[in-house]
């Protein structure tokens, strides 16, 4: 709703609230297909690093959880199917993390 300046009877410009940060989707490739997902945060990457101490199964679970939250349910189902059928190796999953985090990996 606009307000009027009493003296001039002209509308007073109201500032439009802007979000602090807009999350733009990022493109990434997986199994030869270009998909879109959200950027992986530093905190998510730290959680993956910490899971390494708990063994391979914990590491795989952490990577899958982070990727699933970043790429959405539909992309996740297709990606997981590719992994389970052997169309891709697990290393391609970690490649997705690299693409969505903007890091070069270690």
C-alpha atoms as a PDB file:
ATOM      1  CA  UNK A   1       0.000   0.000   0.000  1.00  0.00           C
ATOM      2  CA  UNK A   2       1.356   3.399  -0.965  1.00  0.00           C
ATOM      3  CA  UNK A   3       1.305   6.367   1.369  1.00  0.00           C
ATOM      4  CA  UNK A   4       0.846  10.009   0.378  1.00  0.00           C
ATOM      5  CA  UNK A   5       2.942  12.992   1.356  1.00  0.00           C
ATOM      6  CA  UNK A   6       0.450  15.377   2.967  1.00  0.00           C
ATOM      7  CA  UNK A   7       2.045  18.546   1.593  1.00  0.00           C
ATOM      8  CA  UNK A   8       2.497  17.471  -2.032  1.00  0.00           C
ATOM      9  CA  UNK A   9      -0.159  14.747  -2.251  1.00  0.00           C
ATOM     10  CA  UNK A  10       2.410  12.687  -4.167  1.00  0.00           C
ATOM     11  CA  UNK A  11       3.037   9.035  -3.424  1.00  0.00           C
ATOM     12  CA  UNK A  12       5.958   8.378  -1.089  1.00  0.00           C
ATOM     13  CA  UNK A  13       8.379   5.776  -2.345  1.00  0.00           C
ATOM     14  CA  UNK A  14       8.469   2.802  -0.017  1.00  0.00           C
ATOM     15  CA  UNK A  15      11.656   0.720  -0.027  1.00  0.00           C
ATOM     16  CA  UNK A  16      11.009  -2.820  -1.114  1.00  0.00           C
ATOM     17  CA  UNK A  17      12.541  -5.306   1.318  1.00  0.00           C
ATOM     18  CA  UNK A  18      15.262  -7.363  -0.336  1.00  0.00           C
ATOM     19  CA  UNK A  19      16.384 -10.796   0.773  1.00  0.00           C
ATOM     20  CA  UNK A  20      19.824 -10.890   2.302  1.00  0.00           C
ATOM     21  CA  UNK A  21      20.989 -13.600  -0.054  1.00  0.00           C
ATOM     22  CA  UNK A  22      19.407 -15.149  -3.106  1.00  0.00           C
ATOM     23  CA  UNK A  23      20.300 -18.778  -3.685  1.00  0.00           C
ATOM     24  CA  UNK A  24      20.813 -19.278  -7.396  1.00  0.00           C
ATOM     25  CA  UNK A  25      20.793 -22.807  -8.722  1.00  0.00           C
ATOM     26  CA  UNK A  26      24.046 -24.167 -10.058  1.00  0.00           C
ATOM     27  CA  UNK A  27      24.477 -26.459 -13.034  1.00  0.00           C
ATOM     28  CA  UNK A  28      26.401 -29.679 -12.591  1.00  0.00           C
ATOM     29  CA  UNK A  29      26.977 -32.763 -14.697  1.00  0.00           C
ATOM     30  CA  UNK A  30      26.366 -36.330 -13.650  1.00  0.00           C
ATOM     31  CA  UNK A  31      26.420 -39.401 -15.878  1.00  0.00           C
ATOM     32  CA  UNK A  32      26.695 -37.162 -18.931  1.00  0.00           C
ATOM     33  CA  UNK A  33      23.565 -35.180 -18.057  1.00  0.00           C
ATOM     34  CA  UNK A  34      23.442 -31.517 -16.964  1.00  0.00           C
ATOM     35  CA  UNK A  35      21.293 -30.981 -13.873  1.00  0.00           C
ATOM     36  CA  UNK A  36      20.613 -28.102 -11.456  1.00  0.00           C
ATOM     37  CA  UNK A  37      21.135 -27.965  -7.717  1.00  0.00           C
ATOM     38  CA  UNK A  38      21.775 -25.663  -4.771  1.00  0.00           C
ATOM     39  CA  UNK A  39      25.234 -24.691  -3.638  1.00  0.00           C
ATOM     40  CA  UNK A  40      26.761 -26.978  -1.007  1.00  0.00           C
ATOM     41  CA  UNK A  41      27.713 -25.050   2.134  1.00  0.00           C
ATOM     42  CA  UNK A  42      31.009 -25.073   3.979  1.00  0.00           C
ATOM     43  CA  UNK A  43      29.235 -26.627   6.966  1.00  0.00           C
ATOM     44  CA  UNK A  44      28.026 -29.544   4.867  1.00  0.00           C
ATOM     45  CA  UNK A  45      31.542 -30.126   3.584  1.00  0.00           C
ATOM     46  CA  UNK A  46      32.877 -30.081   7.154  1.00  0.00           C
ATOM     47  CA  UNK A  47      30.272 -32.676   8.168  1.00  0.00           C
ATOM     48  CA  UNK A  48      31.465 -34.922   5.340  1.00  0.00           C
ATOM     49  CA  UNK A  49      35.091 -34.483   6.421  1.00  0.00           C
ATOM     50  CA  UNK A  50      34.186 -35.372  10.010  1.00  0.00           C
ATOM     51  CA  UNK A  51      32.331 -38.502   8.879  1.00  0.00           C
ATOM     52  CA  UNK A  52      35.598 -39.905   7.464  1.00  0.00           C
ATOM     53  CA  UNK A  53      36.626 -40.756  11.042  1.00  0.00           C
ATOM     54  CA  UNK A  54      33.571 -43.007  11.373  1.00  0.00           C
ATOM     55  CA  UNK A  55      34.418 -45.235   8.427  1.00  0.00           C
ATOM     56  CA  UNK A  56      33.501 -45.717   4.814  1.00  0.00           C
ATOM     57  CA  UNK A  57      29.793 -46.359   5.379  1.00  0.00           C
ATOM     58  CA  UNK A  58      29.435 -43.127   7.355  1.00  0.00           C
ATOM     59  CA  UNK A  59      31.311 -41.227   4.668  1.00  0.00           C
ATOM     60  CA  UNK A  60      29.074 -42.601   1.901  1.00  0.00           C
ATOM     61  CA  UNK A  61      25.955 -41.787   3.944  1.00  0.00           C
ATOM     62  CA  UNK A  62      27.132 -38.218   4.562  1.00  0.00           C
ATOM     63  CA  UNK A  63      27.933 -37.633   0.893  1.00  0.00           C
ATOM     64  CA  UNK A  64      24.556 -39.007  -0.170  1.00  0.00           C
ATOM     65  CA  UNK A  65      22.696 -36.890   2.405  1.00  0.00           C
ATOM     66  CA  UNK A  66      24.392 -33.667   1.344  1.00  0.00           C
ATOM     67  CA  UNK A  67      23.899 -34.355  -2.357  1.00  0.00           C
ATOM     68  CA  UNK A  68      20.247 -35.300  -1.838  1.00  0.00           C
ATOM     69  CA  UNK A  69      19.553 -32.010  -0.045  1.00  0.00           C
ATOM     70  CA  UNK A  70      21.368 -30.023  -2.751  1.00  0.00           C
ATOM     71  CA  UNK A  71      19.872 -31.567  -5.882  1.00  0.00           C
ATOM     72  CA  UNK A  72      16.263 -32.247  -4.879  1.00  0.00           C
ATOM     73  CA  UNK A  73      14.245 -35.433  -4.756  1.00  0.00           C
ATOM     74  CA  UNK A  74      13.693 -36.012  -8.486  1.00  0.00           C
ATOM     75  CA  UNK A  75      17.353 -35.569  -9.414  1.00  0.00           C
ATOM     76  CA  UNK A  76      18.409 -37.629  -6.397  1.00  0.00           C
ATOM     77  CA  UNK A  77      16.239 -40.596  -7.403  1.00  0.00           C
ATOM     78  CA  UNK A  78      17.676 -40.621 -10.910  1.00  0.00           C
ATOM     79  CA  UNK A  79      21.258 -40.169  -9.675  1.00  0.00           C
ATOM     80  CA  UNK A  80      20.890 -42.934  -7.078  1.00  0.00           C
ATOM     81  CA  UNK A  81      19.454 -45.243  -9.718  1.00  0.00           C
ATOM     82  CA  UNK A  82      22.498 -44.597 -11.916  1.00  0.00           C
ATOM     83  CA  UNK A  83      24.762 -45.422  -8.996  1.00  0.00           C
ATOM     84  CA  UNK A  84      22.886 -48.572  -7.972  1.00  0.00           C
ATOM     85  CA  UNK A  85      22.779 -49.963 -11.522  1.00  0.00           C
ATOM     86  CA  UNK A  86      26.510 -49.413 -11.933  1.00  0.00           C
ATOM     87  CA  UNK A  87      26.140 -46.801 -14.671  1.00  0.00           C
ATOM     88  CA  UNK A  88      28.453 -44.533 -12.651  1.00  0.00           C
ATOM     89  CA  UNK A  89      31.045 -44.932  -9.909  1.00  0.00           C
ATOM     90  CA  UNK A  90      30.736 -43.339  -6.473  1.00  0.00           C
ATOM     91  CA  UNK A  91      33.566 -40.977  -7.431  1.00  0.00           C
ATOM     92  CA  UNK A  92      31.120 -39.225  -9.751  1.00  0.00           C
ATOM     93  CA  UNK A  93      28.998 -38.437  -6.664  1.00  0.00           C
ATOM     94  CA  UNK A  94      31.973 -36.743  -5.058  1.00  0.00           C
ATOM     95  CA  UNK A  95      32.491 -34.881  -8.327  1.00  0.00           C
ATOM     96  CA  UNK A  96      29.004 -33.423  -7.874  1.00  0.00           C
ATOM     97  CA  UNK A  97      30.073 -32.124  -4.459  1.00  0.00           C
ATOM     98  CA  UNK A  98      33.068 -30.437  -6.053  1.00  0.00           C
ATOM     99  CA  UNK A  99      30.897 -28.833  -8.718  1.00  0.00           C
ATOM    100  CA  UNK A 100      28.252 -27.600  -6.268  1.00  0.00           C
ATOM    101  CA  UNK A 101      30.692 -26.349  -3.668  1.00  0.00           C
ATOM    102  CA  UNK A 102      32.931 -24.489  -6.072  1.00  0.00           C
ATOM    103  CA  UNK A 103      36.008 -26.138  -4.558  1.00  0.00           C
ATOM    104  CA  UNK A 104      38.646 -28.231  -6.242  1.00  0.00           C
ATOM    105  CA  UNK A 105      38.471 -31.060  -3.695  1.00  0.00           C
ATOM    106  CA  UNK A 106      41.413 -32.667  -1.860  1.00  0.00           C
END
